[in-house]
Amino acid sequence: MANIQYYDVILKPIITERSMSAMGEKKYTFLVHPEANKTMIKEAVEKMFDGTKVKSVHTMNQAGKKKRRGMIYGKTAKTKKAIVALTEESKDIEIFEGL
């Protein structure tokens, strides 16, 4: 496994209708590094966003899709998503404010 620092774990937030509705329950969805585990994701969220306390982390691997360009077939890159649930007394994550 590569030496992954906490700032390399979270790649970007996922903004969809389903993830936005889950924010009312303090659940946030992120695209994370494919080799990151739940412990690394929890540590990265608590270090990057002040005042947050993670209750649980759910991860899911997404296989790459088959794509075709002319007669050549290929695959897109595989990705990993994480749904992070915060405790009730923790602060909200600021990047999702105003959305």
Protein backbone atom coordinates (compact mmCIF):
# COMPACT_ATOMS: atom_id res chain seq x y z
CA MET A 1 0.00 0.00 0.00
CA ALA A 2 1.26 3.44 -0.87
CA ASN A 3 2.16 6.02 1.76
CA ILE A 4 -1.05 8.08 1.74
CA GLN A 5 -1.22 11.28 3.80
CA TYR A 6 -4.50 12.51 5.26
CA TYR A 7 -4.80 15.32 2.70
CA ASP A 8 -4.52 12.76 -0.16
CA VAL A 9 -7.38 10.59 1.13
CA ILE A 10 -10.37 12.82 0.31
CA LEU A 11 -10.36 13.74 -3.39
CA LYS A 12 -13.62 15.71 -3.73
CA PRO A 13 -17.16 15.90 -2.37
CA ILE A 14 -20.00 14.27 -4.28
CA ILE A 15 -22.91 16.63 -4.85
CA THR A 16 -26.04 14.76 -5.93
CA GLU A 17 -29.69 15.02 -4.98
CA ARG A 18 -29.41 11.93 -2.81
CA SER A 19 -26.27 13.11 -1.01
CA MET A 20 -27.79 16.55 -0.42
CA SER A 21 -30.86 15.03 1.24
CA ALA A 22 -28.62 12.94 3.52
CA MET A 23 -26.90 16.09 4.83
CA GLY A 24 -29.89 16.76 7.07
CA GLU A 25 -28.91 13.60 8.95
CA LYS A 26 -25.24 14.75 9.06
CA LYS A 27 -24.11 12.28 6.41
CA TYR A 28 -21.62 13.53 3.81
CA THR A 29 -20.45 11.76 0.65
CA PHE A 30 -16.88 11.99 -0.66
CA LEU A 31 -14.84 10.52 -3.49
CA VAL A 32 -11.80 9.01 -1.77
CA HIS A 33 -8.48 7.42 -2.72
CA PRO A 34 -9.03 3.81 -3.90
CA GLU A 35 -6.50 2.43 -1.40
CA ALA A 36 -7.83 4.34 1.63
CA ASN A 37 -9.50 2.34 4.40
CA LYS A 38 -12.20 3.44 6.85
CA THR A 39 -9.73 4.42 9.57
CA MET A 40 -7.79 6.65 7.19
CA ILE A 41 -11.00 8.30 5.95
CA LYS A 42 -12.19 8.98 9.52
CA GLU A 43 -8.82 10.49 10.46
CA ALA A 44 -8.73 12.66 7.31
CA VAL A 45 -12.22 14.12 7.87
CA GLU A 46 -11.49 14.95 11.52
CA LYS A 47 -8.17 16.63 10.61
CA MET A 48 -9.37 18.55 7.55
CA PHE A 49 -12.60 19.93 9.02
CA ASP A 50 -12.29 21.47 12.49
CA GLY A 51 -14.91 20.57 15.09
CA THR A 52 -16.08 17.40 13.35
CA LYS A 53 -16.36 14.05 15.10
CA VAL A 54 -17.01 11.00 12.89
CA LYS A 55 -19.51 8.40 14.09
CA SER A 56 -19.23 5.92 11.21
CA VAL A 57 -17.82 5.48 7.71
CA HIS A 58 -19.36 3.39 4.94
CA THR A 59 -17.32 2.72 1.80
CA MET A 60 -18.17 1.32 -1.60
CA ASN A 61 -15.98 0.41 -4.57
CA GLN A 62 -17.24 1.24 -8.03
CA ALA A 63 -15.80 -0.69 -10.97
CA GLY A 64 -14.81 1.19 -14.11
CA LYS A 65 -17.36 1.35 -16.91
CA LYS A 66 -16.75 -0.10 -20.35
CA LYS A 67 -16.37 2.63 -22.95
CA ARG A 68 -15.98 2.33 -26.69
CA ARG A 69 -14.24 4.66 -29.11
CA GLY A 70 -14.70 3.38 -32.60
CA MET A 71 -13.75 -0.29 -32.59
CA ILE A 72 -11.54 -0.04 -29.50
CA TYR A 73 -12.93 -0.98 -26.09
CA GLY A 74 -11.53 0.38 -22.86
CA LYS A 75 -12.49 0.99 -19.24
CA THR A 76 -12.73 4.11 -17.13
CA ALA A 77 -10.88 4.22 -13.83
CA LYS A 78 -12.37 2.49 -10.80
CA THR A 79 -13.38 4.77 -7.94
CA LYS A 80 -14.23 4.56 -4.25
CA LYS A 81 -16.97 6.49 -2.42
CA ALA A 82 -17.31 7.05 1.30
CA ILE A 83 -20.38 8.11 3.25
CA VAL A 84 -19.28 9.74 6.49
CA ALA A 85 -21.77 10.09 9.35
CA LEU A 86 -21.01 12.72 11.99
CA THR A 87 -22.10 12.70 15.62
CA GLU A 88 -24.95 14.97 16.76
CA GLU A 89 -22.70 17.35 18.72
CA SER A 90 -20.13 17.85 15.92
CA LYS A 91 -20.11 20.89 13.65
CA ASP A 92 -21.33 20.75 10.05
CA ILE A 93 -18.79 20.68 7.23
CA GLU A 94 -18.43 24.19 5.80
CA ILE A 95 -17.95 23.30 2.13
CA PHE A 96 -21.56 22.16 1.93
CA GLU A 97 -22.99 25.38 3.41
CA GLY A 98 -25.18 27.37 1.05
CA LEU A 99 -25.89 24.50 -1.35
